[in-house]
Amino acid sequence: MHQKHPQVHETHPNGQKWQHKRIGLLGGSFNPAHGGHVHISEWALKLLGLDTVWWLVSPQNPLKPVAGMARHADRLASAQAIVTNPHIYVTDIERKLGTCYAVDTIAALKRLYPTTHFIWLMGADNLASFHRWKSWRALAALVPIAVLLRPGYSNMRWSTPAAGWLSRFMKPERLARQWQLWRTPALVIVTLPLDARSATSIRAANPHWAETVNLTKEKVPPGAKSDS
């Protein structure tokens, strides 16, 4: 069993801790964070040969309604509370950077950490709506993309605009651990063991989940100085 670990207060402006590391970026609302997020992160660590997965807890996903969205502090706390694996790093760096679109966040991270290898992690449901994301082609040109297959999305829908375009840049799953060598755009589909947990089902079972979260002081994200 993994032991609880303190979040690292990373204040060095050039992010020396993350130099040459292989980092998966898992963006989301985490409304709330749950075991399914841990499940896909731990399998991504293994199957993609990652050093760390960063959970980018979004202040507000532009494609999701504000209604029903818990406070950012509550969602961040729910993520911190569930993570025990020291290779999963919970961060509010998007709030610190002032970004809400993935393409802007990734561009900022690549400027902050020029020697770090990033790969974007997302589910097949996100791939199906990827054409709705801001500057999605530019995002695909910035970093490789790994689609993590989960229940209900085993049959890929390549008819959607972005999925059809990205299918031209598909890499074989057997080479997934070599992703840092690929020229972008690059897409790999990684098949995970099924896990039925979802934030939607958790909210349906417990609409007031945020009231039970033991809020903690928000941690300083990697590469950003504390303004507290």
Protein backbone atom coordinates (compact mmCIF):
# COMPACT_ATOMS: atom_id res chain seq x y z
CA MET A 1 0.00 0.00 0.00
CA HIS A 2 1.25 3.47 -0.82
CA GLN A 3 1.93 5.79 2.08
CA LYS A 4 0.53 9.29 2.33
CA HIS A 5 3.11 11.79 1.22
CA PRO A 6 3.41 15.55 1.60
CA GLN A 7 2.88 17.58 -1.55
CA VAL A 8 6.14 19.15 -2.66
CA HIS A 9 6.40 22.91 -2.38
CA GLU A 10 8.27 23.54 -5.62
CA THR A 11 9.44 27.15 -5.76
CA HIS A 12 12.52 26.99 -7.98
CA PRO A 13 11.74 29.15 -11.02
CA ASN A 14 13.38 26.77 -13.50
CA GLY A 15 11.74 23.68 -12.03
CA GLN A 16 14.94 21.68 -11.58
CA LYS A 17 13.01 18.88 -9.90
CA TRP A 18 11.20 18.13 -13.17
CA GLN A 19 14.10 18.32 -15.61
CA HIS A 20 14.07 15.46 -18.13
CA LYS A 21 11.13 13.78 -16.38
CA ARG A 22 8.35 11.99 -18.27
CA ILE A 23 5.09 13.50 -17.06
CA GLY A 24 1.51 12.68 -17.94
CA LEU A 25 -0.94 15.57 -17.71
CA LEU A 26 -4.44 14.62 -16.60
CA GLY A 27 -6.67 17.66 -16.72
CA GLY A 28 -10.19 17.74 -15.35
CA SER A 29 -12.75 19.17 -12.98
CA PHE A 30 -12.29 16.34 -10.42
CA ASN A 31 -15.86 17.00 -9.27
CA PRO A 32 -15.10 15.03 -7.16
CA ALA A 33 -11.83 13.14 -7.54
CA HIS A 34 -12.36 9.39 -7.10
CA GLY A 35 -10.74 5.99 -7.37
CA GLY A 36 -11.32 5.87 -11.10
CA HIS A 37 -8.92 8.79 -11.54
CA VAL A 38 -6.33 6.93 -9.48
CA HIS A 39 -6.96 3.76 -11.52
CA ILE A 40 -6.27 5.36 -14.89
CA SER A 41 -3.31 7.35 -13.52
CA GLU A 42 -1.58 4.31 -12.08
CA TRP A 43 -2.06 2.34 -15.28
CA ALA A 44 -0.79 5.30 -17.32
CA LEU A 45 2.32 5.39 -15.12
CA LYS A 46 2.94 1.74 -15.91
CA LEU A 47 1.95 1.49 -19.57
CA LEU A 48 3.49 4.78 -20.68
CA GLY A 49 6.59 4.56 -18.49
CA LEU A 50 5.86 7.85 -16.73
CA ASP A 51 7.74 9.32 -13.79
CA THR A 52 4.71 11.25 -12.57
CA VAL A 53 1.11 12.04 -13.44
CA TRP A 54 0.04 15.59 -12.69
CA TRP A 55 -3.62 16.10 -11.88
CA LEU A 56 -4.47 19.54 -13.24
CA VAL A 57 -7.52 20.52 -11.22
CA SER A 58 -9.28 23.02 -13.46
CA PRO A 59 -10.71 26.20 -11.91
CA GLN A 60 -13.61 25.85 -14.38
CA ASN A 61 -13.79 23.64 -17.46
CA PRO A 62 -15.08 25.91 -20.27
CA LEU A 63 -17.10 23.02 -21.71
CA LYS A 64 -18.87 22.17 -18.45
CA PRO A 65 -21.68 24.12 -16.77
CA VAL A 66 -21.03 26.10 -13.61
CA ALA A 67 -24.22 24.67 -12.09
CA GLY A 68 -23.37 21.59 -10.08
CA MET A 69 -19.65 22.42 -10.02
CA ALA A 70 -18.19 22.41 -6.52
CA ARG A 71 -15.78 25.12 -5.42
CA HIS A 72 -12.27 24.77 -6.79
CA ALA A 73 -10.88 24.47 -3.26
CA ASP A 74 -13.25 21.56 -2.52
CA ARG A 75 -12.35 19.75 -5.73
CA LEU A 76 -8.65 20.26 -5.11
CA ALA A 77 -9.04 18.95 -1.55
CA SER A 78 -10.95 15.88 -2.78
CA ALA A 79 -8.02 15.10 -5.09
CA GLN A 80 -5.42 15.58 -2.38
CA ALA A 81 -7.42 13.42 0.01
CA ILE A 82 -7.63 10.42 -2.31
CA VAL A 83 -4.06 10.36 -3.62
CA THR A 84 -1.63 8.09 -1.81
CA ASN A 85 0.67 7.21 -4.70
CA PRO A 86 3.78 9.46 -4.56
CA HIS A 87 3.92 9.42 -8.38
CA ILE A 88 0.60 11.28 -8.66
CA TYR A 89 0.94 15.00 -8.10
CA VAL A 90 -2.13 17.15 -7.44
CA THR A 91 -1.72 20.75 -8.57
CA ASP A 92 -3.71 23.94 -9.00
CA ILE A 93 -1.17 25.34 -11.43
CA GLU A 94 -3.90 26.36 -13.89
CA ARG A 95 -5.29 28.73 -11.28
CA LYS A 96 -1.82 30.11 -10.66
CA LEU A 97 -1.16 30.50 -14.39
CA GLY A 98 -4.59 31.97 -15.08
CA THR A 99 -5.30 29.44 -17.82
CA CYS A 100 -8.53 27.52 -18.40
CA TYR A 101 -7.88 26.04 -21.84
CA ALA A 102 -5.65 22.99 -22.17
CA VAL A 103 -3.72 24.41 -25.11
CA ASP A 104 -2.76 27.49 -23.09
CA THR A 105 -1.83 25.45 -20.02
CA ILE A 106 0.39 23.11 -22.03
CA ALA A 107 2.10 25.98 -23.84
CA ALA A 108 2.82 27.65 -20.47
CA LEU A 109 4.15 24.41 -18.96
CA LYS A 110 6.47 23.85 -21.90
CA ARG A 111 7.86 27.35 -21.40
CA LEU A 112 8.31 26.76 -17.65
CA TYR A 113 9.85 23.31 -18.10
CA PRO A 114 11.66 23.23 -21.47
CA THR A 115 13.53 19.99 -20.70
CA THR A 116 10.52 18.09 -19.34
CA HIS A 117 8.68 15.55 -21.52
CA PHE A 118 4.89 15.99 -21.32
CA ILE A 119 2.12 13.78 -22.69
CA TRP A 120 -1.57 14.67 -22.52
CA LEU A 121 -3.82 11.99 -21.01
CA MET A 122 -7.52 11.80 -21.78
CA GLY A 123 -10.42 9.42 -22.07
CA ALA A 124 -12.08 8.32 -25.28
CA ASP A 125 -15.10 10.47 -24.40
CA ASN A 126 -12.86 13.54 -24.55
CA LEU A 127 -11.44 12.43 -27.89
CA ALA A 128 -14.98 12.27 -29.28
CA SER A 129 -15.52 15.95 -28.38
CA PHE A 130 -11.94 17.08 -28.93
CA HIS A 131 -12.95 19.21 -31.93
CA ARG A 132 -14.80 21.49 -29.49
CA TRP A 133 -11.60 22.29 -27.60
CA LYS A 134 -9.85 25.59 -28.21
CA SER A 135 -7.12 25.29 -30.88
CA TRP A 136 -7.15 21.49 -30.70
CA ARG A 137 -4.79 21.07 -33.65
CA ALA A 138 -2.29 23.40 -31.95
CA LEU A 139 -2.61 21.34 -28.77
CA ALA A 140 -1.87 18.15 -30.70
CA ALA A 141 1.22 19.81 -32.14
CA LEU A 142 2.53 20.65 -28.66
CA VAL A 143 2.53 17.22 -27.01
CA PRO A 144 1.71 13.58 -27.78
CA ILE A 145 -1.75 12.45 -26.73
CA ALA A 146 -2.57 9.17 -24.99
CA VAL A 147 -6.20 8.10 -25.01
CA LEU A 148 -7.02 5.84 -22.06
CA LEU A 149 -9.84 3.48 -22.93
CA ARG A 150 -12.39 2.97 -20.17
CA PRO A 151 -15.84 1.37 -19.86
CA GLY A 152 -18.40 2.38 -22.49
CA TYR A 153 -15.83 3.68 -24.95
CA SER A 154 -14.17 0.51 -26.17
CA ASN A 155 -15.47 1.17 -29.71
CA MET A 156 -13.67 4.26 -30.88
CA ARG A 157 -15.72 6.79 -32.84
CA TRP A 158 -13.34 7.89 -35.56
CA SER A 159 -16.09 9.76 -37.43
CA THR A 160 -15.76 12.85 -35.21
CA PRO A 161 -13.67 15.64 -36.78
CA ALA A 162 -10.72 15.62 -34.38
CA ALA A 163 -10.60 11.85 -33.99
CA GLY A 164 -10.59 11.38 -37.74
CA TRP A 165 -7.77 13.90 -38.14
CA LEU A 166 -5.71 12.43 -35.30
CA SER A 167 -6.13 8.87 -36.60
CA ARG A 168 -3.58 9.76 -39.28
CA PHE A 169 -0.98 10.12 -36.54
CA MET A 170 -1.74 6.90 -34.67
CA LYS A 171 1.13 5.04 -33.04
CA PRO A 172 1.00 1.32 -32.15
CA GLU A 173 0.17 0.58 -28.53
CA ARG A 174 3.17 -1.75 -28.24
CA LEU A 175 5.41 1.34 -28.65
CA ALA A 176 3.55 3.40 -26.06
CA ARG A 177 6.56 3.66 -23.72
CA GLN A 178 8.56 5.36 -26.49
CA TRP A 179 6.22 8.35 -26.75
CA GLN A 180 8.87 10.94 -25.84
CA LEU A 181 10.67 10.08 -29.10
CA TRP A 182 7.68 10.80 -31.33
CA ARG A 183 7.20 13.84 -33.51
CA THR A 184 3.90 15.57 -32.90
CA PRO A 185 1.08 15.25 -33.65
CA ALA A 186 1.10 11.73 -32.23
CA LEU A 187 -1.72 9.66 -30.78
CA VAL A 188 -1.63 6.36 -28.94
CA ILE A 189 -4.60 4.35 -27.68
CA VAL A 190 -3.86 2.59 -24.39
CA THR A 191 -6.23 -0.14 -23.24
CA LEU A 192 -6.82 -0.22 -19.49
CA PRO A 193 -8.57 -2.75 -17.27
CA LEU A 194 -12.18 -1.73 -16.84
CA ASP A 195 -13.15 0.44 -13.89
CA ALA A 196 -16.76 1.59 -13.64
CA ARG A 197 -16.32 4.45 -11.17
CA SER A 198 -17.18 7.95 -12.36
CA ALA A 199 -17.66 11.42 -10.90
CA THR A 200 -21.19 11.48 -12.30
CA SER A 201 -22.25 8.38 -10.37
CA ILE A 202 -20.62 9.67 -7.19
CA ARG A 203 -22.47 13.00 -7.43
CA ALA A 204 -25.73 11.14 -8.06
CA ALA A 205 -25.23 9.00 -4.96
CA ASN A 206 -24.03 11.89 -2.78
CA PRO A 207 -24.94 15.35 -4.15
CA HIS A 208 -23.43 17.00 -1.07
CA TRP A 209 -20.04 15.28 -1.27
CA ALA A 210 -18.17 18.59 -1.09
CA GLU A 211 -19.54 19.27 2.38
CA THR A 212 -17.75 16.19 3.69
CA VAL A 213 -14.34 17.03 2.27
CA ASN A 214 -11.74 17.91 4.89
CA LEU A 215 -10.39 21.07 3.27
CA THR A 216 -6.67 21.64 3.51
CA LYS A 217 -4.54 24.60 2.56
CA GLU A 218 -4.07 24.66 -1.22
CA LYS A 219 -0.59 23.53 -2.11
CA VAL A 220 1.90 25.45 -4.21
CA PRO A 221 1.99 23.98 -7.73
CA PRO A 222 5.27 22.88 -9.31
CA GLY A 223 7.29 25.80 -10.62
CA ALA A 224 5.05 28.49 -9.13
CA LYS A 225 5.87 30.57 -6.07
CA SER A 226 3.41 30.84 -3.24
CA ASP A 227 1.49 34.08 -3.11
CA SER A 228 0.29 33.41 0.41
